[in-house]
Amino acid sequence: MNMQDLAIDLGFRYGAPELKQAYQKYLTIAELIGILVTAGFLGAYYLGEYLARDEEPVHVVRIMKYSELGPPPSIQSSNVPPAISVAAPAVRPSIGIPVPVPDAEVSPEQTFATQQEMNAATEAIGEGTGAGEVTIEKDIKIDDGGPPPDFVPYEKAPQVIKRVQPVYPEIARKAGLEGTVYVKIWVDKQGRSKKVVIQKSASDIFDQAAIDAAMQFVFTPAMMQNGPVDVWVSIPFHFRLK
């Protein structure tokens, strides 16, 4: 083997072929190291942000049922403003004050008031504390204040005790019309129908017949906290030809 063959043989063993065989392994190792370093920096950043963040306060919300609510405040137990003490004007006593008169008019039987009589006269004057008894005989009328809102909480729903069927309109009967009318009835504390409102109607022909029938309905009053309340009740009226 001459020197040229040795150089060619050495160049083949320690040249580019060896690097081509090992570069894939080293490239994979370098990529893994880069990924681990990047993940370490990102993990340290987000961990610091998480530790520095304050915990949000926990809000506790309690949902109460209608049965747990206390009775409504009484109208008669409203806060009474404190009485203001006003000093009464000084009044001179009407007894015990000597009045000069001529000697001819002096009565030998004239006597002066005793200490007890003078004290009784001063006690009759009030001190202005407002503690006296006041009697009000005028009746107070409380207005209902109009219809109730659309939603009124109650524990016991009203029940129909008198149901009236609407009269089929003659025009609709001759024309062969059918339909349904949904009404909303204001039921007062006595269970009577006070007002009727049309919610949805198939035709205006049936509206008045539905209102007339709804006004004759009688209910048991809705109850809330052992007392009746005004509510709205929805009733459908179906007009069908037999």
C-alpha atoms as a PDB file:
ATOM      1  CA  MET A   1       0.000   0.000   0.000  1.00  0.00           C
ATOM      2  CA  ASN A   2       1.508   3.311  -1.018  1.00  0.00           C
ATOM      3  CA  MET A   3       0.984   6.732   0.647  1.00  0.00           C
ATOM      4  CA  GLN A   4      -1.761   7.797  -1.794  1.00  0.00           C
ATOM      5  CA  ASP A   5      -3.875   4.769  -0.975  1.00  0.00           C
ATOM      6  CA  LEU A   6      -3.306   5.377   2.740  1.00  0.00           C
ATOM      7  CA  ALA A   7      -4.410   9.023   2.386  1.00  0.00           C
ATOM      8  CA  ILE A   8      -7.541   8.004   0.504  1.00  0.00           C
ATOM      9  CA  ASP A   9      -8.289   5.341   3.098  1.00  0.00           C
ATOM     10  CA  LEU A  10      -7.782   7.743   6.023  1.00  0.00           C
ATOM     11  CA  GLY A  11      -9.868  10.430   4.323  1.00  0.00           C
ATOM     12  CA  PHE A  12     -12.727   8.019   3.921  1.00  0.00           C
ATOM     13  CA  ARG A  13     -12.635   6.874   7.568  1.00  0.00           C
ATOM     14  CA  TYR A  14     -12.216  10.287   9.307  1.00  0.00           C
ATOM     15  CA  GLY A  15     -13.891  12.704   6.885  1.00  0.00           C
ATOM     16  CA  ALA A  16     -17.437  13.605   5.870  1.00  0.00           C
ATOM     17  CA  PRO A  17     -18.944  10.111   6.114  1.00  0.00           C
ATOM     18  CA  GLU A  18     -18.322   9.998   9.881  1.00  0.00           C
ATOM     19  CA  LEU A  19     -19.982  13.411  10.426  1.00  0.00           C
ATOM     20  CA  LYS A  20     -22.959  12.427   8.306  1.00  0.00           C
ATOM     21  CA  GLN A  21     -23.441   9.336  10.440  1.00  0.00           C
ATOM     22  CA  ALA A  22     -23.282  11.206  13.820  1.00  0.00           C
ATOM     23  CA  TYR A  23     -24.938  14.570  13.030  1.00  0.00           C
ATOM     24  CA  GLN A  24     -28.486  13.265  13.420  1.00  0.00           C
ATOM     25  CA  LYS A  25     -27.800  12.070  16.988  1.00  0.00           C
ATOM     26  CA  TYR A  26     -26.136  15.325  18.024  1.00  0.00           C
ATOM     27  CA  LEU A  27     -28.903  17.393  16.392  1.00  0.00           C
ATOM     28  CA  THR A  28     -31.553  15.466  18.338  1.00  0.00           C
ATOM     29  CA  ILE A  29     -29.652  15.973  21.605  1.00  0.00           C
ATOM     30  CA  ALA A  30     -29.287  19.704  20.913  1.00  0.00           C
ATOM     31  CA  GLU A  31     -33.005  20.069  20.172  1.00  0.00           C
ATOM     32  CA  LEU A  32     -33.935  18.265  23.390  1.00  0.00           C
ATOM     33  CA  ILE A  33     -31.605  20.476  25.413  1.00  0.00           C
ATOM     34  CA  GLY A  34     -33.076  23.614  23.799  1.00  0.00           C
ATOM     35  CA  ILE A  35     -36.628  22.461  24.494  1.00  0.00           C
ATOM     36  CA  LEU A  36     -35.807  21.680  28.126  1.00  0.00           C
ATOM     37  CA  VAL A  37     -34.124  25.058  28.664  1.00  0.00           C
ATOM     38  CA  THR A  38     -37.028  26.937  27.061  1.00  0.00           C
ATOM     39  CA  ALA A  39     -39.571  24.966  29.084  1.00  0.00           C
ATOM     40  CA  GLY A  40     -37.620  25.695  32.254  1.00  0.00           C
ATOM     41  CA  PHE A  41     -37.647  29.458  31.616  1.00  0.00           C
ATOM     42  CA  LEU A  42     -41.350  29.470  30.757  1.00  0.00           C
ATOM     43  CA  GLY A  43     -42.224  27.313  33.760  1.00  0.00           C
ATOM     44  CA  ALA A  44     -40.282  29.590  36.105  1.00  0.00           C
ATOM     45  CA  TYR A  45     -42.043  32.666  34.684  1.00  0.00           C
ATOM     46  CA  TYR A  46     -45.571  31.286  35.008  1.00  0.00           C
ATOM     47  CA  LEU A  47     -44.826  29.821  38.440  1.00  0.00           C
ATOM     48  CA  GLY A  48     -43.710  33.235  39.663  1.00  0.00           C
ATOM     49  CA  GLU A  49     -46.859  34.839  38.245  1.00  0.00           C
ATOM     50  CA  TYR A  50     -49.044  32.237  39.966  1.00  0.00           C
ATOM     51  CA  LEU A  51     -47.329  32.639  43.342  1.00  0.00           C
ATOM     52  CA  ALA A  52     -47.499  36.445  43.158  1.00  0.00           C
ATOM     53  CA  ARG A  53     -51.204  36.496  42.348  1.00  0.00           C
ATOM     54  CA  ASP A  54     -53.526  37.129  45.299  1.00  0.00           C
ATOM     55  CA  GLU A  55     -56.284  34.682  45.987  1.00  0.00           C
ATOM     56  CA  GLU A  56     -59.728  35.996  45.064  1.00  0.00           C
ATOM     57  CA  PRO A  57     -62.125  36.327  47.989  1.00  0.00           C
ATOM     58  CA  VAL A  58     -64.804  33.689  48.225  1.00  0.00           C
ATOM     59  CA  HIS A  59     -68.332  35.096  48.216  1.00  0.00           C
ATOM     60  CA  VAL A  60     -70.893  33.021  50.055  1.00  0.00           C
ATOM     61  CA  VAL A  61     -74.464  33.441  48.838  1.00  0.00           C
ATOM     62  CA  ARG A  62     -77.347  32.039  50.837  1.00  0.00           C
ATOM     63  CA  ILE A  63     -80.588  31.308  49.013  1.00  0.00           C
ATOM     64  CA  MET A  64     -83.582  31.606  51.325  1.00  0.00           C
ATOM     65  CA  LYS A  65     -86.977  30.067  50.753  1.00  0.00           C
ATOM     66  CA  TYR A  66     -90.204  31.983  51.133  1.00  0.00           C
ATOM     67  CA  SER A  67     -91.065  29.898  54.187  1.00  0.00           C
ATOM     68  CA  GLU A  68     -87.890  31.120  55.933  1.00  0.00           C
ATOM     69  CA  LEU A  69     -88.758  34.787  55.554  1.00  0.00           C
ATOM     70  CA  GLY A  70     -90.112  36.507  58.606  1.00  0.00           C
ATOM     71  CA  PRO A  71     -93.468  38.259  58.745  1.00  0.00           C
ATOM     72  CA  PRO A  72     -93.659  41.686  57.115  1.00  0.00           C
ATOM     73  CA  PRO A  73     -93.280  44.695  59.403  1.00  0.00           C
ATOM     74  CA  SER A  74     -96.484  46.007  60.890  1.00  0.00           C
ATOM     75  CA  ILE A  75     -97.797  49.376  59.835  1.00  0.00           C
ATOM     76  CA  GLN A  76     -98.613  50.265  63.431  1.00  0.00           C
ATOM     77  CA  SER A  77     -95.121  49.474  64.732  1.00  0.00           C
ATOM     78  CA  SER A  78     -93.350  52.185  62.750  1.00  0.00           C
ATOM     79  CA  ASN A  79     -90.579  54.089  64.430  1.00  0.00           C
ATOM     80  CA  VAL A  80     -91.947  56.853  66.595  1.00  0.00           C
ATOM     81  CA  PRO A  81     -89.759  59.967  66.676  1.00  0.00           C
ATOM     82  CA  PRO A  82     -88.338  60.711  70.104  1.00  0.00           C
ATOM     83  CA  ALA A  83     -90.201  63.225  72.179  1.00  0.00           C
ATOM     84  CA  ILE A  84     -88.531  66.614  72.384  1.00  0.00           C
ATOM     85  CA  SER A  85     -88.578  68.214  75.765  1.00  0.00           C
ATOM     86  CA  VAL A  86     -89.764  71.799  75.521  1.00  0.00           C
ATOM     87  CA  ALA A  87     -89.569  73.926  78.582  1.00  0.00           C
ATOM     88  CA  ALA A  88     -92.904  75.503  79.430  1.00  0.00           C
ATOM     89  CA  PRO A  89     -92.933  79.249  79.926  1.00  0.00           C
ATOM     90  CA  ALA A  90     -92.680  80.338  83.489  1.00  0.00           C
ATOM     91  CA  VAL A  91     -96.087  81.171  84.881  1.00  0.00           C
ATOM     92  CA  ARG A  92     -96.432  83.174  88.011  1.00  0.00           C
ATOM     93  CA  PRO A  93     -98.530  81.433  90.662  1.00  0.00           C
ATOM     94  CA  SER A  94    -102.002  82.831  91.104  1.00  0.00           C
ATOM     95  CA  ILE A  95    -102.022  82.297  94.837  1.00  0.00           C
ATOM     96  CA  GLY A  96     -99.692  83.300  97.607  1.00  0.00           C
ATOM     97  CA  ILE A  97     -98.887  86.772  96.176  1.00  0.00           C
ATOM     98  CA  PRO A  98     -99.892  89.663  98.415  1.00  0.00           C
ATOM     99  CA  VAL A  99    -101.723  92.490  96.674  1.00  0.00           C
ATOM    100  CA  PRO A 100    -101.820  95.918  98.293  1.00  0.00           C
ATOM    101  CA  VAL A 101    -105.360  97.153  99.027  1.00  0.00           C
ATOM    102  CA  PRO A 102    -106.714 100.061 101.049  1.00  0.00           C
ATOM    103  CA  ASP A 103    -107.049  99.527 104.778  1.00  0.00           C
ATOM    104  CA  ALA A 104    -110.806  99.866 104.571  1.00  0.00           C
ATOM    105  CA  GLU A 105    -111.060  96.827 102.319  1.00  0.00           C
ATOM    106  CA  VAL A 106    -108.895  94.525 104.406  1.00  0.00           C
ATOM    107  CA  SER A 107    -110.876  91.538 105.636  1.00  0.00           C
ATOM    108  CA  PRO A 108    -109.909  90.177 109.015  1.00  0.00           C
ATOM    109  CA  GLU A 109    -110.751  86.642 107.831  1.00  0.00           C
ATOM    110  CA  GLN A 110    -108.309  86.725 104.879  1.00  0.00           C
ATOM    111  CA  THR A 111    -105.790  83.856 105.029  1.00  0.00           C
ATOM    112  CA  PHE A 112    -102.698  83.034 102.981  1.00  0.00           C
ATOM    113  CA  ALA A 113    -102.325  79.830 100.955  1.00  0.00           C
ATOM    114  CA  THR A 114    -100.458  77.000 102.589  1.00  0.00           C
ATOM    115  CA  GLN A 115     -97.321  75.377 101.120  1.00  0.00           C
ATOM    116  CA  GLN A 116     -99.319  72.328  99.934  1.00  0.00           C
ATOM    117  CA  GLU A 117    -101.789  74.525  98.020  1.00  0.00           C
ATOM    118  CA  MET A 118     -98.965  76.389  96.324  1.00  0.00           C
ATOM    119  CA  ASN A 119     -97.253  73.117  95.260  1.00  0.00           C
ATOM    120  CA  ALA A 120    -100.528  71.760  93.846  1.00  0.00           C
ATOM    121  CA  ALA A 121    -100.970  74.892  91.749  1.00  0.00           C
ATOM    122  CA  THR A 122     -97.486  74.600  90.198  1.00  0.00           C
ATOM    123  CA  GLU A 123     -97.878  70.869  89.441  1.00  0.00           C
ATOM    124  CA  ALA A 124    -100.901  71.564  87.220  1.00  0.00           C
ATOM    125  CA  ILE A 125     -98.586  73.166  84.628  1.00  0.00           C
ATOM    126  CA  GLY A 126     -97.065  70.616  82.219  1.00  0.00           C
ATOM    127  CA  GLU A 127     -93.356  70.317  81.517  1.00  0.00           C
ATOM    128  CA  GLY A 128     -93.691  70.054  77.700  1.00  0.00           C
ATOM    129  CA  THR A 129     -92.232  66.549  77.394  1.00  0.00           C
ATOM    130  CA  GLY A 130     -94.899  65.303  75.008  1.00  0.00           C
ATOM    131  CA  ALA A 131     -95.697  62.354  77.276  1.00  0.00           C
ATOM    132  CA  GLY A 132     -99.371  63.158  77.597  1.00  0.00           C
ATOM    133  CA  GLU A 133    -102.054  60.793  76.330  1.00  0.00           C
ATOM    134  CA  VAL A 134    -103.398  61.633  72.863  1.00  0.00           C
ATOM    135  CA  THR A 135    -106.523  59.983  71.473  1.00  0.00           C
ATOM    136  CA  ILE A 136    -107.134  59.924  67.704  1.00  0.00           C
ATOM    137  CA  GLU A 137    -110.661  58.995  66.760  1.00  0.00           C
ATOM    138  CA  LYS A 138    -110.395  59.538  63.000  1.00  0.00           C
ATOM    139  CA  ASP A 139    -110.353  56.348  60.926  1.00  0.00           C
ATOM    140  CA  ILE A 140    -107.401  55.758  58.607  1.00  0.00           C
ATOM    141  CA  LYS A 141    -108.193  54.367  55.153  1.00  0.00           C
ATOM    142  CA  ILE A 142    -105.462  52.337  53.477  1.00  0.00           C
ATOM    143  CA  ASP A 143    -105.610  52.162  49.675  1.00  0.00           C
ATOM    144  CA  ASP A 144    -104.643  48.928  47.926  1.00  0.00           C
ATOM    145  CA  GLY A 145    -102.478  50.856  45.488  1.00  0.00           C
ATOM    146  CA  GLY A 146    -103.641  49.340  42.197  1.00  0.00           C
ATOM    147  CA  PRO A 147    -103.046  45.932  40.613  1.00  0.00           C
ATOM    148  CA  PRO A 148    -100.182  43.705  41.795  1.00  0.00           C
ATOM    149  CA  PRO A 149     -96.958  43.259  39.784  1.00  0.00           C
ATOM    150  CA  ASP A 150     -96.627  40.467  37.262  1.00  0.00           C
ATOM    151  CA  PHE A 151     -94.749  38.273  39.758  1.00  0.00           C
ATOM    152  CA  VAL A 152     -95.921  38.019  43.361  1.00  0.00           C
ATOM    153  CA  PRO A 153     -94.386  35.357  45.652  1.00  0.00           C
ATOM    154  CA  TYR A 154     -96.868  33.136  47.439  1.00  0.00           C
ATOM    155  CA  GLU A 155     -96.851  29.879  49.372  1.00  0.00           C
ATOM    156  CA  LYS A 156    -100.298  28.641  48.304  1.00  0.00           C
ATOM    157  CA  ALA A 157    -101.578  29.212  44.775  1.00  0.00           C
ATOM    158  CA  PRO A 158    -105.189  30.296  44.172  1.00  0.00           C
ATOM    159  CA  GLN A 159    -107.635  27.574  43.141  1.00  0.00           C
ATOM    160  CA  VAL A 160    -110.731  27.994  40.954  1.00  0.00           C
ATOM    161  CA  ILE A 161    -113.938  27.379  42.917  1.00  0.00           C
ATOM    162  CA  LYS A 162    -116.321  28.828  40.319  1.00  0.00           C
ATOM    163  CA  ARG A 163    -115.674  28.376  36.602  1.00  0.00           C
ATOM    164  CA  VAL A 164    -117.850  29.985  33.913  1.00  0.00           C
ATOM    165  CA  GLN A 165    -117.853  28.867  30.283  1.00  0.00           C
ATOM    166  CA  PRO A 166    -117.785  31.727  27.766  1.00  0.00           C
ATOM    167  CA  VAL A 167    -120.678  32.309  25.389  1.00  0.00           C
ATOM    168  CA  TYR A 168    -119.731  31.391  21.829  1.00  0.00           C
ATOM    169  CA  PRO A 169    -120.017  34.539  19.662  1.00  0.00           C
ATOM    170  CA  GLU A 170    -122.777  34.155  17.101  1.00  0.00           C
ATOM    171  CA  ILE A 171    -120.702  35.761  14.342  1.00  0.00           C
ATOM    172  CA  ALA A 172    -117.868  33.281  14.923  1.00  0.00           C
ATOM    173  CA  ARG A 173    -120.331  30.393  15.012  1.00  0.00           C
ATOM    174  CA  LYS A 174    -121.871  31.367  11.651  1.00  0.00           C
ATOM    175  CA  ALA A 175    -118.446  31.890  10.109  1.00  0.00           C
ATOM    176  CA  GLY A 176    -117.169  28.574  11.491  1.00  0.00           C
ATOM    177  CA  LEU A 177    -114.291  30.215  13.372  1.00  0.00           C
ATOM    178  CA  GLU A 178    -112.452  28.501  16.226  1.00  0.00           C
ATOM    179  CA  GLY A 179    -109.617  29.652  18.455  1.00  0.00           C
ATOM    180  CA  THR A 180    -108.126  30.084  21.923  1.00  0.00           C
ATOM    181  CA  VAL A 181    -107.931  33.221  24.055  1.00  0.00           C
ATOM    182  CA  TYR A 182    -105.425  33.514  26.929  1.00  0.00           C
ATOM    183  CA  VAL A 183    -106.415  36.008  29.625  1.00  0.00           C
ATOM    184  CA  LYS A 184    -104.740  37.261  32.791  1.00  0.00           C
ATOM    185  CA  ILE A 185    -107.055  37.718  35.801  1.00  0.00           C
ATOM    186  CA  TRP A 186    -106.302  39.945  38.774  1.00  0.00           C
ATOM    187  CA  VAL A 187    -107.421  37.918  41.828  1.00  0.00           C
ATOM    188  CA  ASP A 188    -107.764  40.046  44.975  1.00  0.00           C
ATOM    189  CA  LYS A 189    -107.423  39.039  48.624  1.00  0.00           C
ATOM    190  CA  GLN A 190    -111.049  37.838  48.686  1.00  0.00           C
ATOM    191  CA  GLY A 191    -110.556  35.598  45.624  1.00  0.00           C
ATOM    192  CA  ARG A 192    -112.657  37.770  43.317  1.00  0.00           C
ATOM    193  CA  SER A 193    -111.792  38.752  39.752  1.00  0.00           C
ATOM    194  CA  LYS A 194    -111.090  42.485  39.708  1.00  0.00           C
ATOM    195  CA  LYS A 195    -109.565  42.948  36.253  1.00  0.00           C
ATOM    196  CA  VAL A 196    -109.004  40.901  33.084  1.00  0.00           C
ATOM    197  CA  VAL A 197    -106.255  41.498  30.503  1.00  0.00           C
ATOM    198  CA  ILE A 198    -106.006  39.747  27.116  1.00  0.00           C
ATOM    199  CA  GLN A 199    -102.593  38.094  26.752  1.00  0.00           C
ATOM    200  CA  LYS A 200    -103.000  36.270  23.436  1.00  0.00           C
ATOM    201  CA  SER A 201    -106.009  35.846  21.180  1.00  0.00           C
ATOM    202  CA  ALA A 202    -106.734  33.932  18.000  1.00  0.00           C
ATOM    203  CA  SER A 203    -109.260  36.592  16.931  1.00  0.00           C
ATOM    204  CA  ASP A 204    -110.785  39.756  18.352  1.00  0.00           C
ATOM    205  CA  ILE A 205    -114.228  38.188  17.968  1.00  0.00           C
ATOM    206  CA  PHE A 206    -113.625  35.969  21.024  1.00  0.00           C
ATOM    207  CA  ASP A 207    -112.067  38.631  23.312  1.00  0.00           C
ATOM    208  CA  GLN A 208    -115.200  40.124  24.892  1.00  0.00           C
ATOM    209  CA  ALA A 209    -116.763  36.705  25.523  1.00  0.00           C
ATOM    210  CA  ALA A 210    -113.580  35.575  27.290  1.00  0.00           C
ATOM    211  CA  ILE A 211    -113.456  38.759  29.411  1.00  0.00           C
ATOM    212  CA  ASP A 212    -117.104  38.412  30.462  1.00  0.00           C
ATOM    213  CA  ALA A 213    -116.567  34.797  31.533  1.00  0.00           C
ATOM    214  CA  ALA A 214    -113.297  35.548  33.360  1.00  0.00           C
ATOM    215  CA  MET A 215    -114.886  38.339  35.422  1.00  0.00           C
ATOM    216  CA  GLN A 216    -117.318  35.773  36.873  1.00  0.00           C
ATOM    217  CA  PHE A 217    -114.571  33.412  38.087  1.00  0.00           C
ATOM    218  CA  VAL A 218    -114.123  32.954  41.845  1.00  0.00           C
ATOM    219  CA  PHE A 219    -110.899  31.661  43.412  1.00  0.00           C
ATOM    220  CA  THR A 220    -109.464  30.787  46.763  1.00  0.00           C
ATOM    221  CA  PRO A 221    -107.074  33.662  47.597  1.00  0.00           C
ATOM    222  CA  ALA A 222    -103.337  33.186  47.251  1.00  0.00           C
ATOM    223  CA  MET A 223    -101.651  32.883  50.659  1.00  0.00           C
ATOM    224  CA  MET A 224     -98.270  34.217  51.777  1.00  0.00           C
ATOM    225  CA  GLN A 225     -97.096  34.154  55.406  1.00  0.00           C
ATOM    226  CA  ASN A 226    -100.580  33.188  56.633  1.00  0.00           C
ATOM    227  CA  GLY A 227    -102.152  36.160  54.847  1.00  0.00           C
ATOM    228  CA  PRO A 228    -103.898  36.633  51.470  1.00  0.00           C
ATOM    229  CA  VAL A 229    -102.177  38.525  48.649  1.00  0.00           C
ATOM    230  CA  ASP A 230    -103.279  39.889  45.274  1.00  0.00           C
ATOM    231  CA  VAL A 231    -101.940  37.914  42.288  1.00  0.00           C
ATOM    232  CA  TRP A 232    -102.385  37.473  38.535  1.00  0.00           C
ATOM    233  CA  VAL A 233    -103.724  34.148  37.220  1.00  0.00           C
ATOM    234  CA  SER A 234    -103.576  33.042  33.558  1.00  0.00           C
ATOM    235  CA  ILE A 235    -106.617  31.167  32.204  1.00  0.00           C
ATOM    236  CA  PRO A 236    -107.097  29.854  28.611  1.00  0.00           C
ATOM    237  CA  PHE A 237    -110.535  29.817  26.956  1.00  0.00           C
ATOM    238  CA  HIS A 238    -110.953  27.373  24.065  1.00  0.00           C
ATOM    239  CA  PHE A 239    -113.662  28.105  21.501  1.00  0.00           C
ATOM    240  CA  ARG A 240    -114.460  24.912  19.613  1.00  0.00           C
ATOM    241  CA  LEU A 241    -117.448  24.098  17.417  1.00  0.00           C
ATOM    242  CA  LYS A 242    -119.034  20.768  18.253  1.00  0.00           C
END
